[in-house]
Every structure is written in C-alpha cells, then in structure tokens.
Protein backbone atom coordinates (compact mmCIF):
# COMPACT_ATOMS: atom_id res chain seq x y z
CA UNK A 1 25.82 52.30 57.36
CA UNK A 2 23.58 55.48 58.46
CA UNK A 3 24.67 58.46 56.53
CA UNK A 4 23.94 61.62 58.63
CA UNK A 5 22.30 64.14 56.49
CA UNK A 6 23.25 67.37 56.52
CA UNK A 7 20.29 69.85 57.86
CA UNK A 8 18.98 72.69 55.25
CA UNK A 9 20.84 76.05 56.06
CA UNK A 10 23.84 74.55 58.06
CA UNK A 11 26.96 75.44 56.30
CA UNK A 12 28.89 72.59 54.28
CA UNK A 13 32.27 73.27 56.33
CA UNK A 14 32.65 75.77 59.80
CA UNK A 15 34.36 79.06 58.66
CA UNK A 16 34.41 79.95 62.12
CA UNK A 17 36.08 77.28 63.34
CA UNK A 18 38.47 77.40 60.17
CA UNK A 19 39.32 81.25 60.76
CA UNK A 20 39.92 80.40 64.61
CA UNK A 21 42.66 77.57 63.40
CA UNK A 22 44.09 80.09 60.49
CA UNK A 23 44.45 83.02 63.49
CA UNK A 24 46.14 80.52 65.78
CA UNK A 25 48.82 79.14 63.07
CA UNK A 26 49.67 82.60 62.10
CA UNK A 27 49.88 83.94 65.70
CA UNK A 28 52.45 80.75 66.25
CA UNK A 29 54.54 81.37 63.28
CA UNK A 30 54.56 85.47 64.26
CA UNK A 31 55.93 84.57 67.60
CA UNK A 32 58.38 82.35 66.27
CA UNK A 33 59.75 84.80 64.23
CA UNK A 34 60.17 87.72 66.48
CA UNK A 35 61.74 84.71 68.63
CA UNK A 36 64.39 83.98 65.82
CA UNK A 37 64.95 88.03 65.38
CA UNK A 38 65.31 88.41 69.33
CA UNK A 39 67.81 85.86 69.72
CA UNK A 40 69.45 84.85 66.61
CA UNK A 41 70.15 88.10 65.06
CA UNK A 42 72.79 89.40 68.33
CA UNK A 43 74.82 86.30 67.36
CA UNK A 44 75.90 87.66 64.22
CA UNK A 45 75.58 91.52 64.81
CA UNK A 46 77.49 91.45 67.91
CA UNK A 47 80.73 90.09 69.59
CA UNK A 48 80.14 86.71 69.55
CA UNK A 49 82.56 86.59 72.87
CA UNK A 50 79.40 87.45 74.73
CA UNK A 51 77.33 84.40 73.52
CA UNK A 52 78.39 80.53 74.09
CA UNK A 53 78.43 79.89 70.54
CA UNK A 54 81.82 80.16 69.97
CA UNK A 55 84.61 80.73 72.83
CA UNK A 56 86.39 83.83 72.73
CA UNK A 57 89.36 84.23 71.34
CA UNK A 58 92.52 86.61 69.95
CA UNK A 59 95.12 87.08 67.50
CA UNK A 60 98.30 87.27 68.83
CA UNK A 61 101.11 87.55 66.47
CA UNK A 62 104.59 86.94 67.76
CA UNK A 63 107.86 88.45 66.46
CA UNK A 64 111.46 86.91 66.67
CA UNK A 65 114.53 88.63 67.66
CA UNK A 66 117.73 87.60 68.02
CA UNK A 67 120.76 90.06 68.54
CA UNK A 68 120.53 93.31 69.37
CA UNK A 69 123.64 95.37 68.03
CA UNK A 70 125.68 98.46 67.05
CA UNK A 71 127.94 96.56 64.98
CA UNK A 72 127.35 96.18 61.33
CA UNK A 73 128.89 92.95 60.86
CA UNK A 74 126.35 91.53 62.79
CA UNK A 75 123.20 92.88 61.14
CA UNK A 76 121.09 91.35 58.78
CA UNK A 77 118.88 88.30 59.18
CA UNK A 78 119.41 88.06 62.84
CA UNK A 79 120.17 90.96 63.96
CA UNK A 80 118.94 94.68 64.24
CA UNK A 81 120.03 97.95 65.52
CA UNK A 82 118.94 99.75 69.39
CA UNK A 83 117.70 102.66 66.97
CA UNK A 84 115.53 100.01 64.87
CA UNK A 85 114.24 98.13 67.90
CA UNK A 86 113.42 101.23 69.43
CA UNK A 87 111.27 102.35 66.59
CA UNK A 88 109.33 99.08 66.74
CA UNK A 89 108.54 99.82 69.88
CA UNK A 90 107.34 103.39 68.48
CA UNK A 91 105.50 101.95 66.27
CA UNK A 92 103.59 99.85 68.75
CA UNK A 93 102.92 102.42 70.66
CA UNK A 94 101.32 104.47 68.24
CA UNK A 95 99.38 101.67 66.82
CA UNK A 96 97.94 101.02 70.22
CA UNK A 97 99.48 97.28 70.61
CA UNK A 98 100.42 96.34 73.89
CA UNK A 99 102.83 93.93 74.31
CA UNK A 100 102.07 90.15 76.03
CA UNK A 101 104.14 87.25 77.82
CA UNK A 102 103.07 83.92 77.66
CA UNK A 103 101.58 84.22 80.61
CA UNK A 104 99.79 86.03 79.61
CA UNK A 105 98.47 83.52 77.44
CA UNK A 106 98.23 80.68 79.80
CA UNK A 107 96.21 82.93 82.14
CA UNK A 108 93.63 83.84 79.29
CA UNK A 109 93.21 80.16 78.22
CA UNK A 110 92.81 78.57 81.23
CA UNK A 111 91.04 81.03 83.92
CA UNK A 112 89.27 83.41 81.34
CA UNK A 113 91.23 86.57 82.02
CA UNK A 114 90.98 89.05 79.39
CA UNK A 115 94.02 90.48 76.84
CA UNK A 116 94.32 93.57 75.55
CA UNK A 117 92.38 94.82 72.57
CA UNK A 118 96.05 94.65 70.23
CA UNK A 119 97.85 92.00 71.75
CA UNK A 120 101.74 91.74 70.19
CA UNK A 121 104.68 88.78 71.38
CA UNK A 122 108.25 90.10 71.22
CA UNK A 123 110.74 87.43 71.94
CA UNK A 124 114.18 87.68 72.18
CA UNK A 125 115.94 84.07 71.23
CA UNK A 126 119.65 83.01 72.58
CA UNK A 127 119.87 85.22 75.82
CA UNK A 128 122.19 87.47 74.70
CA UNK A 129 123.95 90.13 76.08
CA UNK A 130 122.28 92.56 74.22
CA UNK A 131 118.80 91.83 76.19
CA UNK A 132 120.11 93.55 79.51
CA UNK A 133 122.20 96.41 77.67
CA UNK A 134 119.85 97.47 75.08
CA UNK A 135 116.17 95.57 75.27
CA UNK A 136 115.34 95.94 79.12
CA UNK A 137 116.19 99.65 78.79
CA UNK A 138 114.07 100.53 75.88
CA UNK A 139 111.52 98.21 77.49
CA UNK A 140 111.70 100.09 80.56
CA UNK A 141 111.37 103.53 78.15
CA UNK A 142 107.91 102.50 76.53
CA UNK A 143 106.29 100.58 78.76
CA UNK A 144 106.57 97.35 76.90
CA UNK A 145 107.13 93.33 77.86
CA UNK A 146 109.34 90.87 76.09
CA UNK A 147 109.94 87.02 76.64
CA UNK A 148 113.64 86.25 76.48
CA UNK A 149 114.30 82.52 75.84
CA UNK A 150 117.65 81.75 77.30
CA UNK A 151 120.17 78.94 77.01
CA UNK A 152 121.41 77.38 79.87
CA UNK A 153 124.95 76.18 78.97
CA UNK A 154 125.72 79.63 78.17
CA UNK A 155 124.35 81.12 81.37
CA UNK A 156 126.54 78.77 83.04
CA UNK A 157 129.44 78.87 81.63
CA UNK A 158 129.82 82.88 81.19
CA UNK A 159 128.91 83.02 84.64
CA UNK A 160 131.84 80.90 85.90
CA UNK A 161 133.87 83.07 83.45
CA UNK A 162 132.55 86.46 84.93
CA UNK A 163 133.60 85.03 88.18
CA UNK A 164 137.30 85.16 86.83
CA UNK A 165 137.07 88.62 84.95
CA UNK A 166 134.60 90.62 86.40
CA UNK A 167 135.64 93.54 83.91
CA UNK A 168 135.07 91.45 80.59
CA UNK A 169 132.23 91.83 78.65
CA UNK A 170 130.44 88.34 77.69
CA UNK A 171 128.57 87.86 74.04
CA UNK A 172 125.36 86.17 76.56
CA UNK A 173 124.05 87.01 79.77
CA UNK A 174 124.68 85.33 83.14
CA UNK A 175 122.41 83.91 85.91
CA UNK A 176 122.86 87.67 87.93
CA UNK A 177 121.75 89.43 84.67
CA UNK A 178 119.37 86.91 83.89
CA UNK A 179 118.05 87.45 87.59
CA UNK A 180 117.97 91.16 86.81
CA UNK A 181 115.97 91.06 84.01
CA UNK A 182 113.37 88.84 85.56
CA UNK A 183 113.24 91.33 88.50
CA UNK A 184 112.47 93.96 86.57
CA UNK A 185 108.73 92.97 85.71
CA UNK A 186 109.51 93.81 82.03
CA UNK A 187 110.80 90.59 80.85
CA UNK A 188 109.48 87.18 80.98
CA UNK A 189 112.65 84.01 80.96
CA UNK A 190 111.52 81.38 79.25
CA UNK A 191 113.52 78.22 77.96
CA UNK A 192 115.40 77.64 75.07
CA UNK A 193 117.08 74.44 76.42
CA UNK A 194 119.97 73.63 78.32
CA UNK A 195 122.45 72.38 75.33
CA UNK A 196 120.89 72.06 72.20
CA UNK A 197 121.68 74.26 69.92
CA UNK A 198 123.81 71.93 67.62
CA UNK A 199 122.61 72.34 64.21
CA UNK A 200 121.22 71.65 62.21
CA UNK A 201 119.58 68.61 65.13
CA UNK A 202 118.24 71.26 68.21
CA UNK A 203 116.21 69.22 70.00
CA UNK A 204 115.03 67.50 67.40
CA UNK A 205 115.36 63.39 67.55
CA UNK A 206 118.65 61.58 66.37
CA UNK A 207 118.51 59.41 63.51
CA UNK A 208 117.79 55.70 64.57
CA UNK A 209 117.18 57.06 68.16
CA UNK A 210 114.62 55.51 69.61
CA UNK A 211 111.19 57.67 71.20
CA UNK A 212 112.13 56.29 74.56
CA UNK A 213 115.73 57.27 74.26
CA UNK A 214 114.36 60.88 72.48
CA UNK A 215 112.20 61.12 75.71
CA UNK A 216 114.93 60.37 78.08
CA UNK A 217 117.60 62.79 76.40
CA UNK A 218 115.05 65.96 76.12
CA UNK A 219 113.72 65.32 79.68
CA UNK A 220 117.14 65.47 81.15
CA UNK A 221 118.14 68.54 79.03
CA UNK A 222 115.23 70.61 79.69
CA UNK A 223 114.95 69.55 83.51
CA UNK A 224 118.62 70.76 83.99
CA UNK A 225 117.83 74.25 82.96
CA UNK A 226 114.08 74.21 84.80
CA UNK A 227 116.54 73.41 87.70
CA UNK A 228 118.65 75.79 87.33
CA UNK A 229 116.04 78.62 86.65
CA UNK A 230 114.55 77.28 90.26
CA UNK A 231 117.76 77.65 91.83
CA UNK A 232 119.11 81.16 90.30
CA UNK A 233 115.28 82.84 89.57
CA UNK A 234 113.04 81.12 92.04
CA UNK A 235 111.18 80.54 88.90
CA UNK A 236 110.79 77.58 86.39
CA UNK A 237 109.91 78.39 82.66
CA UNK A 238 106.71 77.71 81.55
CA UNK A 239 106.93 77.56 77.73
CA UNK A 240 109.74 76.27 75.40
CA UNK A 241 111.13 78.07 72.35
CA UNK A 242 112.70 75.31 70.16
CA UNK A 243 116.25 75.74 69.33
CA UNK A 244 116.87 76.00 65.49
CA UNK A 245 112.91 75.34 65.08
CA UNK A 246 113.24 71.88 65.13
CA UNK A 247 110.32 69.88 66.72
CA UNK A 248 110.91 66.09 67.79
CA UNK A 249 108.05 63.78 67.31
CA UNK A 250 107.04 63.39 71.02
CA UNK A 251 108.45 66.48 72.19
CA UNK A 252 104.95 67.76 73.83
CA UNK A 253 104.94 64.86 76.07
CA UNK A 254 108.14 66.05 77.63
CA UNK A 255 107.26 69.59 77.78
CA UNK A 256 103.66 68.64 80.09
CA UNK A 257 105.63 66.34 81.70
CA UNK A 258 107.75 69.12 83.27
CA UNK A 259 104.64 70.94 83.51
CA UNK A 260 105.10 73.34 80.65
CA UNK A 261 101.97 74.89 79.29
CA UNK A 262 102.85 75.39 75.65
CA UNK A 263 105.69 76.45 72.86
CA UNK A 264 106.73 78.38 70.28
CA UNK A 265 108.51 77.39 67.53
CA UNK A 266 109.77 79.44 64.15
CA UNK A 267 107.44 78.75 61.51
CA UNK A 268 105.84 81.47 60.44
CA UNK A 269 101.96 82.64 60.48
CA UNK A 270 99.22 83.73 62.73
CA UNK A 271 98.36 82.53 66.31
CA UNK A 272 94.62 82.16 67.50
CA UNK A 273 94.45 81.68 71.13
CA UNK A 274 90.84 80.36 72.15
CA UNK A 275 89.80 80.11 76.41
CA UNK A 276 89.57 76.70 77.27
CA UNK A 277 91.80 75.34 74.48
CA UNK A 278 95.14 74.36 76.24
CA UNK A 279 96.32 72.76 72.59
CA UNK A 280 96.32 76.19 71.11
CA UNK A 281 99.35 77.09 73.49
CA UNK A 282 101.63 74.81 71.54
CA UNK A 283 103.94 75.25 68.91
CA UNK A 284 102.86 78.93 68.70
CA UNK A 285 104.27 80.79 65.10
CA UNK A 286 106.40 83.60 64.84
CA UNK A 287 107.80 85.91 62.38
CA UNK A 288 111.27 86.65 62.35
CA UNK A 289 112.53 90.58 62.69
CA UNK A 290 115.62 90.98 60.37
CA UNK A 291 117.65 94.00 59.82
CA UNK A 292 116.51 96.59 57.85
CA UNK A 293 112.91 95.70 57.94
CA UNK A 294 110.23 97.61 60.24
CA UNK A 295 107.79 95.81 62.58
CA UNK A 296 104.92 97.36 60.33
CA UNK A 297 106.07 94.92 57.32
CA UNK A 298 106.70 91.79 59.49
CA UNK A 299 103.43 91.89 61.57
CA UNK A 300 101.58 92.82 58.35
C-alpha cells in the first residue's frame, strides 16, 4: 500500500475548507431559526382562527326558560316574571352579548358564516302563551332573538278550542300565534315533539321496546310536527329540543332522517361549536334560568 507523504509546509488539515463549512452550517441554523420565529410564533401570538392548525370555533352558552308569568304560584324553578326576563335582556345588552338562534350555529358550522363576538342563545320550551304575550314584545324592544320549542299536540288542541271560543285565553300557543312569532323575525320555531311529554319517558325508549319499534315511533311523532309546521308556517324545524331532557339511544338517526341538523338537551354545561364539525350541533347543553336568579349567575 502506497502512503502519500505530506509535503513540507502543507498543513495537517485544510483550515479554509473547515471554516467555510462551519460558516455554511451556522448560516443554515440561523435561517432555520428565523423561519421558526416567522412562522411558528404567530400561531401562538395571534388568533388561531387565522391559521389552518385549528378550525374556527366559538363558545355559545344556551339559557333555558319555560314560563314567563306574573302569577306567583307558577314562579320558581321553571317560571320567571316578565320583569326578570327584561332584566336578563338588559344585562345581555349592557355586557355586549348578541343573541343567536340555531340557524346561526348551522351556518357557522356548515358554511363558515361568522358569529358575533359574544353569542348566546335563549330558548323557551313548550310553546306557552307567554312567549306571545311577554317574550316577543321584549325581544322587539331590546332588538334580540330567541328559540321557541313548540309541542304540536298542544298547538292543535288549543287552536281547535280557540276556533270555538276566540275570546278565551289559552295556556299554550295556537297556530296563528306561532305563525306570528315565526313571521316576526325575532323567534325561531323548533321542535319539542308532537306528543312526547309524558313523564318520565319523554322521547326515550320504552322498556322492552326494540330499536326498530322505537325508531318508527319517534319518527312518526316528529314527522307529524314537521308536517304541521310546513302546513302552518311554510317552514320545518331544523333542530330537536328533547322533551324532559330524555335522550333515547338511536334518536339522532331519526333526526337526521328528518333533515334536522342538531339537537338541544337539558344537560347543563358549556358548548363549543366548530366549523366543519357537524357533530358539535347535537346534544347541545343549556342552563336552566329559574325565578329569583339572574342570568348573570346562570351563564357565569
């Protein structure tokens, strides 16, 4: 093996070459560092909605009301006075909340429409006459919106009774009153089932009922209300508000078969809706607003 000898004066290593390589390495590290600073830091320093790492989302509290009344015997867990409701609306207005309805959430999730900075949804269950007598005028006065979940059987029954005795006042809304709420642009009508308010079952499965039988029974009930709304309002509800808060296994499949885009439960908790995530529109949580307790405490 022939060993090449180092010539006199030749350095043991090529220093210039090593320096050049070192400079190139330092330069690469420097530019990599700058790239990290430029691209990564904004993901933490700015609103994440601007970047593709996380879909835009919004927190949406939902408040549950039932009866609005001036009669003391009905006040309590599910009854508030008109004055209490008005104070709630004043609080929301003074604290920069904007009321939204379910369609606003659908448009945000499926179309990418914007939601206001502090969205909140107000829901009124059962379709009580107080929604027409008290809720609508207050919504108009304070430029707000709400969701009213109606019971189809009650609407049919009291519409028939009102036809016989128009001067009487009935506890639940008639179809002409529901139509007026719908036409106001202040109230979104949603489904609270046609006739599934028998405690403790609600819209849940009966004991021993097969999945197929439950599916058929729930579908028939909800379809009846969908058809009635189409007839009287020219509109069909897009969300289901579970009666008594009972959620039957397999109910979502029925809702989707009817073209509904979401549902609302009675379970308390927060909601986060996210663009592109249709699942987030089902089983939304809400908090009951009882008499004697302001909305400030409810949505805290």
